[in-house]
Amino acid sequence: MAKINELGNVQANCPDCNGALSIYEWSVGGSALGTVNKQTPYPSWGNSILDYRFFCCAGCGRGGLGLIIWHGTRYPGDKRELIWFIPEAKEKLSLPGKVPEGIVNEFREAEKCMESECHRAAAGMLRSVLDKTMKANGYNDKGVSLEKKIEMAANDRVITEARKRRAHEEIRVLGNDVLHDEWHPIPPEDPESARHYCQRILEDLYDDRESVLSLLRSAGRVPEEDRPAK
């Protein structure tokens, strides 16, 4: 989570530095990057400044914007509090190298939705990741529901019973709620849990790919690797 230091700079994970922890500076070459502010009362501080302030990543130069309340005669003042800061990268989960590129891209897009606090969008994207993963592993019969595909994968022993249950409860049902039910907010913990279980299912299927391919072929499935090139 982004933090502000005694110099008024912000410490945050930078999206353009591959999520690395970086310092965003409010001044470059001795000149402030810009601010929009106004006087505001603040409990126990008296009159303070509500400050929308521009920052620059010291590593890559990406811009940022922070909302800060501070007290004093000149920024960063003698007291300061960071209300919010953008952009801030979240942890990117590692995926096996053999996961198809399209599925990786969809998983990363779900993570971007989570960074933007678009939790419903992230839940829908993660359901799509699961569905595309099932299809890539030979569970792509037309008219077969995602629920049935997950059951088939468990019956073929390419995912465990425990993983099957999590795929239903943490990913599929959440995604279905977003796609089909009336709009309602969902807490960030829900897509976060779905993201972790998507990662684990991808690890199950692609960490030891040759063993999984053997199981799929024995069950009569046609994984993506065995299909004619388009």
Protein backbone atom coordinates (compact mmCIF):
# COMPACT_ATOMS: atom_id res chain seq x y z
CA MET A 1 0.00 0.00 0.00
CA ALA A 2 1.29 3.47 -0.94
CA LYS A 3 2.91 5.48 1.87
CA ILE A 4 4.12 9.06 2.15
CA ASN A 5 7.50 9.87 3.71
CA GLU A 6 8.83 12.87 5.62
CA LEU A 7 9.99 14.51 2.37
CA GLY A 8 6.49 14.39 0.93
CA ASN A 9 7.40 11.73 -1.63
CA VAL A 10 5.27 8.63 -2.09
CA GLN A 11 6.50 5.05 -1.89
CA ALA A 12 4.41 2.76 -4.10
CA ASN A 13 4.66 -0.24 -6.41
CA CYS A 14 5.08 1.11 -9.94
CA PRO A 15 3.23 -0.63 -12.83
CA ASP A 16 5.93 0.39 -15.34
CA CYS A 17 8.73 -0.94 -13.11
CA ASN A 18 7.18 -4.44 -13.19
CA GLY A 19 5.49 -3.80 -9.88
CA ALA A 20 8.72 -2.95 -8.05
CA LEU A 21 8.57 -0.69 -5.01
CA SER A 22 9.55 2.79 -6.14
CA ILE A 23 9.74 6.38 -4.90
CA TYR A 24 7.43 8.86 -6.62
CA GLU A 25 8.87 12.36 -6.26
CA TRP A 26 6.82 15.56 -6.18
CA SER A 27 9.73 17.72 -7.34
CA VAL A 28 12.16 17.18 -10.23
CA GLY A 29 15.19 19.41 -10.71
CA GLY A 30 14.04 21.62 -7.88
CA SER A 31 10.65 22.36 -9.46
CA ALA A 32 7.32 21.05 -8.20
CA LEU A 33 5.43 19.03 -10.80
CA GLY A 34 2.10 20.69 -10.06
CA THR A 35 -0.72 20.74 -7.58
CA VAL A 36 -4.33 21.77 -7.09
CA ASN A 37 -5.20 22.55 -3.47
CA LYS A 38 -7.49 24.32 -1.06
CA GLN A 39 -7.70 25.09 2.64
CA THR A 40 -9.66 22.55 4.65
CA PRO A 41 -10.27 21.93 8.37
CA TYR A 42 -8.81 18.69 9.70
CA PRO A 43 -9.52 17.19 13.13
CA SER A 44 -6.76 18.05 15.62
CA TRP A 45 -4.66 19.83 12.96
CA GLY A 46 -6.70 23.01 12.53
CA ASN A 47 -6.51 24.57 9.09
CA SER A 48 -4.75 22.29 6.63
CA ILE A 49 -4.24 21.89 2.88
CA LEU A 50 -6.17 19.37 0.78
CA ASP A 51 -3.72 18.73 -2.01
CA TYR A 52 -4.08 16.95 -5.37
CA ARG A 53 -0.41 16.60 -6.27
CA PHE A 54 1.50 15.23 -9.26
CA PHE A 55 4.43 12.85 -8.78
CA CYS A 56 7.06 11.18 -10.97
CA CYS A 57 8.53 7.69 -10.49
CA ALA A 58 12.26 8.03 -9.80
CA GLY A 59 12.88 4.75 -11.61
CA CYS A 60 11.02 5.02 -14.93
CA GLY A 61 9.51 8.51 -14.99
CA ARG A 62 5.87 7.43 -14.93
CA GLY A 63 3.51 10.06 -13.57
CA GLY A 64 1.30 9.63 -10.52
CA LEU A 65 -1.39 11.54 -8.67
CA GLY A 66 -1.90 11.65 -4.93
CA LEU A 67 -4.49 13.19 -2.62
CA ILE A 68 -2.76 14.46 0.50
CA ILE A 69 -3.79 16.44 3.55
CA TRP A 70 -0.92 18.36 5.10
CA HIS A 71 -0.37 21.01 7.75
CA GLY A 72 2.30 23.68 7.74
CA THR A 73 3.52 26.69 5.83
CA ARG A 74 5.22 24.88 2.94
CA TYR A 75 4.83 21.39 1.49
CA PRO A 76 5.46 18.75 2.82
CA GLY A 77 4.69 20.59 6.07
CA ASP A 78 5.16 19.28 9.56
CA LYS A 79 2.28 16.80 9.30
CA ARG A 80 0.94 14.95 6.27
CA GLU A 81 -1.42 12.08 5.45
CA LEU A 82 -1.84 10.26 2.13
CA ILE A 83 -5.51 9.64 1.34
CA TRP A 84 -5.01 7.81 -1.97
CA PHE A 85 -2.47 7.41 -4.74
CA ILE A 86 -2.64 6.22 -8.37
CA PRO A 87 -1.29 4.24 -10.15
CA GLU A 88 -0.29 1.52 -7.74
CA ALA A 89 0.57 -1.96 -8.98
CA LYS A 90 -0.50 -4.99 -7.01
CA GLU A 91 1.43 -8.23 -6.71
CA LYS A 92 1.49 -10.17 -9.97
CA LEU A 93 1.08 -13.92 -9.39
CA SER A 94 3.54 -16.18 -11.19
CA LEU A 95 2.20 -18.54 -13.85
CA PRO A 96 3.82 -21.61 -15.42
CA GLY A 97 5.71 -20.93 -18.63
CA LYS A 98 3.56 -23.30 -20.69
CA VAL A 99 0.25 -21.55 -20.05
CA PRO A 100 -1.08 -20.38 -23.45
CA GLU A 101 -0.42 -16.73 -24.18
CA GLY A 102 -4.09 -15.80 -24.53
CA ILE A 103 -4.93 -17.25 -21.11
CA VAL A 104 -1.96 -15.45 -19.53
CA ASN A 105 -3.12 -12.17 -21.09
CA GLU A 106 -6.64 -12.66 -19.79
CA PHE A 107 -5.34 -13.44 -16.30
CA ARG A 108 -3.19 -10.29 -16.35
CA GLU A 109 -6.15 -8.23 -17.53
CA ALA A 110 -8.11 -9.48 -14.52
CA GLU A 111 -5.23 -8.31 -12.31
CA LYS A 112 -5.37 -4.87 -13.96
CA CYS A 113 -9.08 -4.71 -13.16
CA MET A 114 -8.26 -5.46 -9.53
CA GLU A 115 -5.62 -2.71 -9.47
CA SER A 116 -8.32 -0.28 -10.63
CA GLU A 117 -10.72 -1.65 -7.98
CA CYS A 118 -13.08 -2.91 -10.70
CA HIS A 119 -13.88 -6.02 -8.66
CA ARG A 120 -16.91 -7.19 -10.65
CA ALA A 121 -14.99 -6.90 -13.91
CA ALA A 122 -12.13 -8.90 -12.39
CA ALA A 123 -14.52 -11.65 -11.25
CA GLY A 124 -15.98 -11.94 -14.75
CA MET A 125 -12.50 -12.06 -16.32
CA LEU A 126 -11.35 -14.80 -13.94
CA ARG A 127 -14.39 -16.91 -14.79
CA SER A 128 -13.41 -16.45 -18.43
CA VAL A 129 -9.84 -17.58 -17.61
CA LEU A 130 -11.23 -20.78 -16.11
CA ASP A 131 -13.54 -21.41 -19.06
CA LYS A 132 -10.78 -20.86 -21.64
CA THR A 133 -8.45 -23.10 -19.64
CA MET A 134 -10.98 -25.92 -19.72
CA LYS A 135 -11.42 -25.47 -23.49
CA ALA A 136 -7.64 -25.45 -24.06
CA ASN A 137 -7.44 -28.83 -22.31
CA GLY A 138 -10.05 -30.56 -24.45
CA TYR A 139 -13.24 -29.70 -22.56
CA ASN A 140 -14.67 -27.68 -25.40
CA ASP A 141 -17.83 -29.52 -26.47
CA LYS A 142 -20.47 -27.07 -27.67
CA GLY A 143 -23.39 -26.64 -25.33
CA VAL A 144 -21.54 -28.06 -22.32
CA SER A 145 -21.64 -25.74 -19.31
CA LEU A 146 -18.56 -24.63 -17.41
CA GLU A 147 -19.95 -26.49 -14.41
CA LYS A 148 -19.91 -29.75 -16.37
CA LYS A 149 -16.45 -29.07 -17.80
CA ILE A 150 -15.03 -28.72 -14.30
CA GLU A 151 -16.68 -32.00 -13.27
CA MET A 152 -15.22 -33.75 -16.33
CA ALA A 153 -11.72 -32.47 -15.57
CA ALA A 154 -11.99 -33.81 -12.02
CA ASN A 155 -13.27 -37.17 -13.30
CA ASP A 156 -10.25 -37.35 -15.61
CA ARG A 157 -8.02 -36.64 -12.57
CA VAL A 158 -6.33 -33.60 -14.13
CA ILE A 159 -7.58 -31.53 -11.19
CA THR A 160 -8.19 -32.77 -7.65
CA GLU A 161 -11.55 -32.96 -5.89
CA ALA A 162 -10.44 -30.11 -3.64
CA ARG A 163 -9.51 -27.97 -6.63
CA LYS A 164 -12.83 -28.85 -8.31
CA ARG A 165 -14.73 -27.55 -5.30
CA ARG A 166 -12.76 -24.31 -5.26
CA ALA A 167 -13.22 -23.86 -9.01
CA HIS A 168 -16.97 -24.03 -8.49
CA GLU A 169 -17.24 -22.00 -5.30
CA GLU A 170 -14.53 -19.37 -5.69
CA ILE A 171 -14.45 -18.78 -9.46
CA ARG A 172 -17.45 -20.08 -11.41
CA VAL A 173 -20.25 -19.11 -9.02
CA LEU A 174 -18.76 -15.65 -8.40
CA GLY A 175 -18.40 -15.04 -12.13
CA ASN A 176 -21.94 -16.26 -12.79
CA ASP A 177 -23.29 -13.86 -10.16
CA VAL A 178 -21.55 -10.96 -11.90
CA LEU A 179 -22.70 -11.98 -15.37
CA HIS A 180 -26.29 -12.97 -14.64
CA ASP A 181 -27.54 -11.47 -11.35
CA GLU A 182 -28.64 -7.91 -10.59
CA TRP A 183 -25.80 -5.45 -10.02
CA HIS A 184 -24.44 -5.36 -6.49
CA PRO A 185 -21.01 -4.52 -5.10
CA ILE A 186 -18.65 -7.35 -4.27
CA PRO A 187 -15.81 -7.11 -1.75
CA PRO A 188 -12.22 -7.16 -3.07
CA GLU A 189 -11.59 -10.38 -1.14
CA ASP A 190 -13.84 -12.31 -3.55
CA PRO A 191 -11.90 -11.74 -6.80
CA GLU A 192 -8.65 -12.00 -4.83
CA SER A 193 -9.59 -15.52 -3.76
CA ALA A 194 -10.69 -16.35 -7.32
CA ARG A 195 -7.34 -15.10 -8.65
CA HIS A 196 -5.35 -17.34 -6.33
CA TYR A 197 -7.39 -20.44 -7.20
CA CYS A 198 -7.14 -19.68 -10.92
CA GLN A 199 -3.38 -19.57 -10.48
CA ARG A 200 -3.38 -22.92 -8.69
CA ILE A 201 -5.51 -24.57 -11.36
CA LEU A 202 -3.13 -23.27 -14.03
CA GLU A 203 -0.23 -24.68 -12.00
CA ASP A 204 -2.03 -28.05 -11.76
CA LEU A 205 -2.48 -28.19 -15.53
CA TYR A 206 0.76 -26.63 -16.80
CA ASP A 207 3.57 -27.13 -14.26
CA ASP A 208 4.08 -30.78 -15.28
CA ARG A 209 2.45 -30.51 -18.68
CA GLU A 210 3.56 -33.85 -20.09
CA SER A 211 1.93 -35.78 -17.24
CA VAL A 212 -1.31 -33.84 -17.69
CA LEU A 213 -1.25 -34.39 -21.46
CA SER A 214 -0.91 -38.13 -20.86
CA LEU A 215 -4.00 -38.10 -18.61
CA LEU A 216 -5.98 -36.02 -21.10
CA ARG A 217 -5.12 -38.29 -24.03
CA SER A 218 -5.96 -41.40 -22.01
CA ALA A 219 -9.37 -39.89 -21.33
CA GLY A 220 -9.94 -39.20 -25.03
CA ARG A 221 -9.56 -35.45 -24.76
CA VAL A 222 -7.92 -33.35 -27.48
CA PRO A 223 -5.85 -30.64 -25.80
CA GLU A 224 -4.72 -27.55 -27.68
CA GLU A 225 -1.29 -29.07 -28.37
CA ASP A 226 -2.84 -31.92 -30.36
CA ARG A 227 -5.07 -29.83 -32.62
CA PRO A 228 -4.17 -28.95 -36.21
CA ALA A 229 -2.55 -25.56 -36.61
CA LYS A 230 -4.96 -22.94 -37.88
